[in-house]
C-alpha atoms as a PDB file:
ATOM      1  CA  MET A   1     -40.026  54.953  11.199  1.00  0.00           C
ATOM      2  CA  ARG A   2     -36.520  53.529  11.552  1.00  0.00           C
ATOM      3  CA  SER A   3     -35.309  50.889   9.185  1.00  0.00           C
ATOM      4  CA  GLU A   4     -34.485  47.193  10.109  1.00  0.00           C
ATOM      5  CA  GLY A   5     -30.855  46.568  10.674  1.00  0.00           C
ATOM      6  CA  PRO A   6     -28.972  43.210  10.039  1.00  0.00           C
ATOM      7  CA  ALA A   7     -29.033  42.584  14.120  1.00  0.00           C
ATOM      8  CA  GLU A   8     -32.735  43.124  14.114  1.00  0.00           C
ATOM      9  CA  ARG A   9     -33.353  40.758  11.694  1.00  0.00           C
ATOM     10  CA  ALA A  10     -31.008  38.148  12.832  1.00  0.00           C
ATOM     11  CA  THR A  11     -32.821  38.175  16.698  1.00  0.00           C
ATOM     12  CA  GLY A  12     -36.232  38.975  15.030  1.00  0.00           C
ATOM     13  CA  SER A  13     -36.785  41.634  17.483  1.00  0.00           C
ATOM     14  CA  SER A  14     -39.134  43.367  15.070  1.00  0.00           C
ATOM     15  CA  GLN A  15     -41.559  40.170  14.074  1.00  0.00           C
ATOM     16  CA  GLY A  16     -41.658  38.684  17.583  1.00  0.00           C
ATOM     17  CA  ASP A  17     -41.465  35.106  17.477  1.00  0.00           C
ATOM     18  CA  SER A  18     -41.985  34.414  13.871  1.00  0.00           C
ATOM     19  CA  GLN A  19     -38.137  33.684  13.169  1.00  0.00           C
ATOM     20  CA  ASP A  20     -37.711  31.080  16.168  1.00  0.00           C
ATOM     21  CA  SER A  21     -36.753  28.461  13.193  1.00  0.00           C
ATOM     22  CA  SER A  22     -34.575  31.335  11.619  1.00  0.00           C
ATOM     23  CA  ARG A  23     -32.744  32.091  14.971  1.00  0.00           C
ATOM     24  CA  GLN A  24     -31.924  28.612  15.240  1.00  0.00           C
ATOM     25  CA  ALA A  25     -30.541  28.057  12.302  1.00  0.00           C
ATOM     26  CA  ASP A  26     -28.237  31.274  12.937  1.00  0.00           C
ATOM     27  CA  ALA A  27     -26.943  29.797  16.075  1.00  0.00           C
ATOM     28  CA  ASN A  28     -26.032  26.568  13.954  1.00  0.00           C
ATOM     29  CA  MET A  29     -24.162  28.450  11.607  1.00  0.00           C
ATOM     30  CA  SER A  30     -20.336  28.703  11.231  1.00  0.00           C
ATOM     31  CA  ASN A  31     -18.826  32.144  12.203  1.00  0.00           C
ATOM     32  CA  TYR A  32     -18.271  32.948   8.870  1.00  0.00           C
ATOM     33  CA  ALA A  33     -21.092  32.002   7.399  1.00  0.00           C
ATOM     34  CA  PHE A  34     -23.031  33.840   9.896  1.00  0.00           C
ATOM     35  CA  PHE A  35     -21.437  37.314   9.386  1.00  0.00           C
ATOM     36  CA  VAL A  36     -21.715  36.330   5.496  1.00  0.00           C
ATOM     37  CA  LYS A  37     -25.120  36.174   5.656  1.00  0.00           C
ATOM     38  CA  TYR A  38     -25.729  39.083   7.921  1.00  0.00           C
ATOM     39  CA  THR A  39     -23.421  42.074   6.399  1.00  0.00           C
ATOM     40  CA  TYR A  40     -22.999  43.634   3.158  1.00  0.00           C
ATOM     41  CA  SER A  41     -19.735  42.831   1.411  1.00  0.00           C
ATOM     42  CA  ASN A  42     -16.655  40.449   1.541  1.00  0.00           C
ATOM     43  CA  GLU A  43     -14.889  43.415   2.938  1.00  0.00           C
ATOM     44  CA  CYS A  44     -17.320  43.915   6.178  1.00  0.00           C
ATOM     45  CA  ALA A  45     -17.713  39.896   6.382  1.00  0.00           C
ATOM     46  CA  LEU A  46     -14.037  39.713   6.996  1.00  0.00           C
ATOM     47  CA  LEU A  47     -13.507  42.225   9.576  1.00  0.00           C
ATOM     48  CA  ALA A  48     -16.836  41.661  11.283  1.00  0.00           C
ATOM     49  CA  TYR A  49     -15.780  38.124  11.842  1.00  0.00           C
ATOM     50  CA  ASN A  50     -12.056  38.859  13.009  1.00  0.00           C
ATOM     51  CA  PHE A  51     -12.959  41.235  15.796  1.00  0.00           C
ATOM     52  CA  HIS A  52     -15.735  39.418  16.852  1.00  0.00           C
ATOM     53  CA  GLU A  53     -13.008  36.602  17.569  1.00  0.00           C
ATOM     54  CA  LEU A  54     -10.754  39.022  18.375  1.00  0.00           C
ATOM     55  CA  VAL A  55     -12.937  40.789  21.137  1.00  0.00           C
ATOM     56  CA  SER A  56     -13.625  37.257  22.382  1.00  0.00           C
ATOM     57  CA  LYS A  57     -10.181  36.286  22.637  1.00  0.00           C
ATOM     58  CA  ILE A  58      -9.721  39.740  24.717  1.00  0.00           C
ATOM     59  CA  GLY A  59     -12.131  38.069  26.925  1.00  0.00           C
ATOM     60  CA  ILE A  60     -14.863  40.744  27.106  1.00  0.00           C
ATOM     61  CA  PHE A  61     -18.012  39.079  26.795  1.00  0.00           C
ATOM     62  CA  GLU A  62     -16.552  37.233  30.335  1.00  0.00           C
ATOM     63  CA  ILE A  63     -16.729  40.927  32.278  1.00  0.00           C
ATOM     64  CA  PHE A  64     -20.031  41.923  30.320  1.00  0.00           C
ATOM     65  CA  ALA A  65     -23.303  40.342  29.549  1.00  0.00           C
ATOM     66  CA  TYR A  66     -25.177  40.458  26.790  1.00  0.00           C
ATOM     67  CA  ARG A  67     -28.590  38.363  25.999  1.00  0.00           C
ATOM     68  CA  HIS A  68     -28.274  37.627  22.757  1.00  0.00           C
ATOM     69  CA  ASP A  69     -25.996  36.179  20.201  1.00  0.00           C
ATOM     70  CA  HIS A  70     -22.321  37.873  20.448  1.00  0.00           C
ATOM     71  CA  ARG A  71     -22.020  38.081  17.051  1.00  0.00           C
ATOM     72  CA  LEU A  72     -24.452  40.438  16.463  1.00  0.00           C
ATOM     73  CA  ILE A  73     -22.433  43.247  18.249  1.00  0.00           C
ATOM     74  CA  SER A  74     -20.231  43.399  15.119  1.00  0.00           C
ATOM     75  CA  VAL A  75     -22.511  42.789  12.457  1.00  0.00           C
ATOM     76  CA  THR A  76     -24.267  46.157  14.280  1.00  0.00           C
ATOM     77  CA  LEU A  77     -20.722  47.828  13.785  1.00  0.00           C
ATOM     78  CA  ALA A  78     -20.347  46.701  10.208  1.00  0.00           C
ATOM     79  CA  TYR A  79     -23.998  48.038   9.299  1.00  0.00           C
ATOM     80  CA  ILE A  80     -23.953  51.308  10.675  1.00  0.00           C
ATOM     81  CA  LEU A  81     -20.127  51.797   9.510  1.00  0.00           C
ATOM     82  CA  TYR A  82     -20.966  50.292   6.244  1.00  0.00           C
ATOM     83  CA  ARG A  83     -24.366  52.667   6.114  1.00  0.00           C
ATOM     84  CA  TYR A  84     -22.613  55.703   6.485  1.00  0.00           C
ATOM     85  CA  GLN A  85     -20.099  55.013   3.707  1.00  0.00           C
ATOM     86  CA  VAL A  86     -16.645  54.554   5.633  1.00  0.00           C
ATOM     87  CA  HIS A  87     -14.424  52.361   3.388  1.00  0.00           C
ATOM     88  CA  HIS A  88     -13.440  49.369   4.616  1.00  0.00           C
ATOM     89  CA  CYS A  89      -9.750  50.794   5.206  1.00  0.00           C
ATOM     90  CA  ASP A  90     -11.078  53.145   7.712  1.00  0.00           C
ATOM     91  CA  MET A  91     -13.649  50.414   8.989  1.00  0.00           C
ATOM     92  CA  ALA A  92     -10.444  48.110   9.644  1.00  0.00           C
ATOM     93  CA  LEU A  93      -8.182  51.421  11.309  1.00  0.00           C
ATOM     94  CA  ASP A  94     -11.234  52.522  13.396  1.00  0.00           C
ATOM     95  CA  LEU A  95     -11.746  48.395  14.421  1.00  0.00           C
ATOM     96  CA  ALA A  96      -8.309  48.011  15.279  1.00  0.00           C
ATOM     97  CA  LEU A  97      -8.091  51.204  17.631  1.00  0.00           C
ATOM     98  CA  THR A  98     -11.206  49.831  19.439  1.00  0.00           C
ATOM     99  CA  LEU A  99      -9.580  46.801  20.171  1.00  0.00           C
ATOM    100  CA  VAL A 100      -6.751  48.626  21.720  1.00  0.00           C
ATOM    101  CA  TYR A 101      -9.096  50.315  23.745  1.00  0.00           C
ATOM    102  CA  LEU A 102     -11.036  47.533  24.460  1.00  0.00           C
ATOM    103  CA  GLU A 103      -7.719  45.409  25.631  1.00  0.00           C
ATOM    104  CA  ASP A 104      -6.868  48.324  27.794  1.00  0.00           C
ATOM    105  CA  LEU A 105      -9.884  47.916  29.343  1.00  0.00           C
ATOM    106  CA  ARG A 106      -9.919  44.822  30.244  1.00  0.00           C
ATOM    107  CA  SER A 107      -6.586  45.781  32.587  1.00  0.00           C
ATOM    108  CA  LEU A 108      -8.768  48.647  34.072  1.00  0.00           C
ATOM    109  CA  VAL A 109     -11.679  46.523  35.113  1.00  0.00           C
ATOM    110  CA  GLU A 110      -9.119  44.032  37.360  1.00  0.00           C
ATOM    111  CA  ALA A 111      -8.011  47.383  38.731  1.00  0.00           C
ATOM    112  CA  LYS A 112     -11.064  49.301  39.200  1.00  0.00           C
ATOM    113  CA  PRO A 113     -14.334  47.199  39.759  1.00  0.00           C
ATOM    114  CA  GLU A 114     -16.783  50.320  39.844  1.00  0.00           C
ATOM    115  CA  VAL A 115     -16.349  50.379  36.028  1.00  0.00           C
ATOM    116  CA  ARG A 116     -17.423  46.984  35.827  1.00  0.00           C
ATOM    117  CA  GLU A 117     -20.827  48.343  37.755  1.00  0.00           C
ATOM    118  CA  ARG A 118     -20.819  51.720  35.314  1.00  0.00           C
ATOM    119  CA  GLY A 119     -19.786  49.593  31.819  1.00  0.00           C
ATOM    120  CA  ARG A 120     -23.401  48.440  31.097  1.00  0.00           C
ATOM    121  CA  ASP A 121     -23.694  45.660  28.628  1.00  0.00           C
ATOM    122  CA  ALA A 122     -21.105  44.433  26.228  1.00  0.00           C
ATOM    123  CA  PHE A 123     -22.745  46.068  23.165  1.00  0.00           C
ATOM    124  CA  ASN A 124     -23.014  49.443  24.388  1.00  0.00           C
ATOM    125  CA  LEU A 125     -19.558  49.071  25.829  1.00  0.00           C
ATOM    126  CA  ILE A 126     -18.506  47.906  22.186  1.00  0.00           C
ATOM    127  CA  CYS A 127     -20.135  49.914  20.124  1.00  0.00           C
ATOM    128  CA  TYR A 128     -19.067  53.226  21.621  1.00  0.00           C
ATOM    129  CA  MET A 129     -15.589  52.421  22.587  1.00  0.00           C
ATOM    130  CA  ALA A 130     -15.828  52.030  18.602  1.00  0.00           C
ATOM    131  CA  PHE A 131     -17.914  55.270  18.419  1.00  0.00           C
ATOM    132  CA  LEU A 132     -14.781  57.205  20.382  1.00  0.00           C
ATOM    133  CA  ALA A 133     -12.314  55.267  17.971  1.00  0.00           C
ATOM    134  CA  HIS A 134     -14.198  56.329  15.001  1.00  0.00           C
ATOM    135  CA  ALA A 135     -14.227  59.810  16.155  1.00  0.00           C
ATOM    136  CA  PHE A 136     -10.681  60.048  16.776  1.00  0.00           C
ATOM    137  CA  ASN A 137      -9.783  58.637  13.271  1.00  0.00           C
ATOM    138  CA  SER A 138     -11.992  60.349  10.899  1.00  0.00           C
ATOM    139  CA  ASP A 139     -11.763  64.107  10.002  1.00  0.00           C
ATOM    140  CA  ARG A 140     -15.754  63.970   9.035  1.00  0.00           C
ATOM    141  CA  PRO A 141     -17.184  61.421  11.879  1.00  0.00           C
ATOM    142  CA  ILE A 142     -20.170  60.002  11.667  1.00  0.00           C
ATOM    143  CA  ARG A 143     -22.360  61.922  14.015  1.00  0.00           C
ATOM    144  CA  LEU A 144     -23.403  61.019  17.770  1.00  0.00           C
ATOM    145  CA  ALA A 145     -26.934  62.063  17.035  1.00  0.00           C
ATOM    146  CA  ASP A 146     -26.751  59.185  13.660  1.00  0.00           C
ATOM    147  CA  TRP A 147     -25.565  56.760  16.187  1.00  0.00           C
ATOM    148  CA  PHE A 148     -28.131  57.154  18.519  1.00  0.00           C
ATOM    149  CA  LYS A 149     -31.055  57.147  15.438  1.00  0.00           C
ATOM    150  CA  GLU A 150     -29.495  53.827  14.172  1.00  0.00           C
ATOM    151  CA  ILE A 151     -28.587  51.858  17.499  1.00  0.00           C
ATOM    152  CA  GLY A 152     -28.847  54.164  20.561  1.00  0.00           C
ATOM    153  CA  TRP A 153     -32.470  54.183  21.083  1.00  0.00           C
ATOM    154  CA  ARG A 154     -32.465  50.634  22.519  1.00  0.00           C
ATOM    155  CA  SER A 155     -30.893  51.706  25.026  1.00  0.00           C
ATOM    156  CA  PHE A 156     -30.870  55.058  25.952  1.00  0.00           C
ATOM    157  CA  LYS A 157     -34.185  57.605  26.534  1.00  0.00           C
ATOM    158  CA  ASN A 158     -32.247  60.140  24.150  1.00  0.00           C
ATOM    159  CA  CYS A 159     -29.378  61.347  22.948  1.00  0.00           C
ATOM    160  CA  HIS A 160     -28.470  63.601  25.466  1.00  0.00           C
ATOM    161  CA  GLN A 161     -28.297  60.267  27.975  1.00  0.00           C
ATOM    162  CA  LEU A 162     -26.444  58.498  25.190  1.00  0.00           C
ATOM    163  CA  ASN A 163     -23.784  61.354  25.599  1.00  0.00           C
ATOM    164  CA  ALA A 164     -23.445  60.717  29.464  1.00  0.00           C
ATOM    165  CA  TYR A 165     -22.563  57.553  28.354  1.00  0.00           C
ATOM    166  CA  VAL A 166     -19.857  58.309  26.156  1.00  0.00           C
ATOM    167  CA  PHE A 167     -18.815  60.691  27.905  1.00  0.00           C
ATOM    168  CA  PHE A 168     -18.352  58.464  30.983  1.00  0.00           C
ATOM    169  CA  LEU A 169     -16.250  56.142  28.731  1.00  0.00           C
ATOM    170  CA  PHE A 170     -13.917  58.724  27.544  1.00  0.00           C
ATOM    171  CA  SER A 171     -13.092  60.507  30.807  1.00  0.00           C
ATOM    172  CA  GLN A 172     -13.425  57.514  33.629  1.00  0.00           C
ATOM    173  CA  VAL A 173     -12.356  54.804  31.334  1.00  0.00           C
ATOM    174  CA  ARG A 174      -9.928  56.335  28.512  1.00  0.00           C
ATOM    175  CA  GLY A 175      -8.826  58.662  30.827  1.00  0.00           C
ATOM    176  CA  PHE A 176      -9.726  61.516  28.112  1.00  0.00           C
ATOM    177  CA  LYS A 177      -6.918  59.585  26.476  1.00  0.00           C
ATOM    178  CA  LEU A 178      -7.974  58.489  22.758  1.00  0.00           C
ATOM    179  CA  ARG A 179      -4.176  57.913  21.295  1.00  0.00           C
ATOM    180  CA  VAL A 180      -2.070  54.818  21.277  1.00  0.00           C
ATOM    181  CA  SER A 181       0.957  53.409  19.939  1.00  0.00           C
ATOM    182  CA  GLU A 182       1.040  52.713  16.379  1.00  0.00           C
ATOM    183  CA  SER A 183       2.431  49.533  16.724  1.00  0.00           C
ATOM    184  CA  GLN A 184      -0.761  48.430  18.683  1.00  0.00           C
ATOM    185  CA  VAL A 185      -2.838  49.435  15.696  1.00  0.00           C
ATOM    186  CA  LYS A 186      -0.670  47.927  13.498  1.00  0.00           C
ATOM    187  CA  ARG A 187      -0.755  44.483  15.339  1.00  0.00           C
ATOM    188  CA  TYR A 188      -4.790  44.611  15.306  1.00  0.00           C
ATOM    189  CA  ILE A 189      -5.196  45.899  11.321  1.00  0.00           C
ATOM    190  CA  GLN A 190      -3.308  42.693  10.525  1.00  0.00           C
ATOM    191  CA  LYS A 191      -5.027  40.550  12.229  1.00  0.00           C
ATOM    192  CA  LEU A 192      -8.280  41.957  11.255  1.00  0.00           C
ATOM    193  CA  CYS A 193      -7.247  41.857   7.832  1.00  0.00           C
ATOM    194  CA  SER A 194      -5.891  38.263   7.664  1.00  0.00           C
ATOM    195  CA  VAL A 195      -8.352  35.714   5.859  1.00  0.00           C
ATOM    196  CA  PRO A 196      -9.817  33.144   8.137  1.00  0.00           C
ATOM    197  CA  ASN A 197      -9.881  28.603   7.100  1.00  0.00           C
ATOM    198  CA  GLN A 198     -13.452  29.284   6.793  1.00  0.00           C
ATOM    199  CA  ALA A 199     -13.627  31.828   4.527  1.00  0.00           C
ATOM    200  CA  THR A 200     -11.963  29.608   2.093  1.00  0.00           C
ATOM    201  CA  THR A 201     -13.734  26.713   2.756  1.00  0.00           C
ATOM    202  CA  THR A 202     -17.184  28.352   3.206  1.00  0.00           C
END
């Protein structure tokens, strides 16, 4: 039996309608408080909050749909990276590189509309861009089979199908290039690690 992650608890997907009132309360909760509630450390909450805010500013949610609360995507990434013991400094590096990829994607979609059609929803797009970033950064990355076990089964029938989607992102979206300029990554690391006003008032 698969363990229930924080995103499933927040959506109530494993308990039907019994968590309707909880979901309504979450909808009214401030963004930072939401991430504090559904992540496992202060570092994760900070990174997840800032990552969500930055993804929103890039405009990904204006192009790719996600039927649940958009914040759950960042919660899910924080969950899997924390669960597999990725240090929060390395987590920041992975998320920063993911943001560069998403920024590049925004420009690519304007030039190649077909990418939008094949990119599926925002959850898969962002999570598996993060997989590529993590695989590039880490000497011993979390295996794709583990990503499938934790989150991929929701959208893909098997790991082979997930692998095909990841290869699409790597080949068609990234053009087989995962390296980017260090200045781009450092800019996003600074933003990811900055403490928002909500953190001091919540």
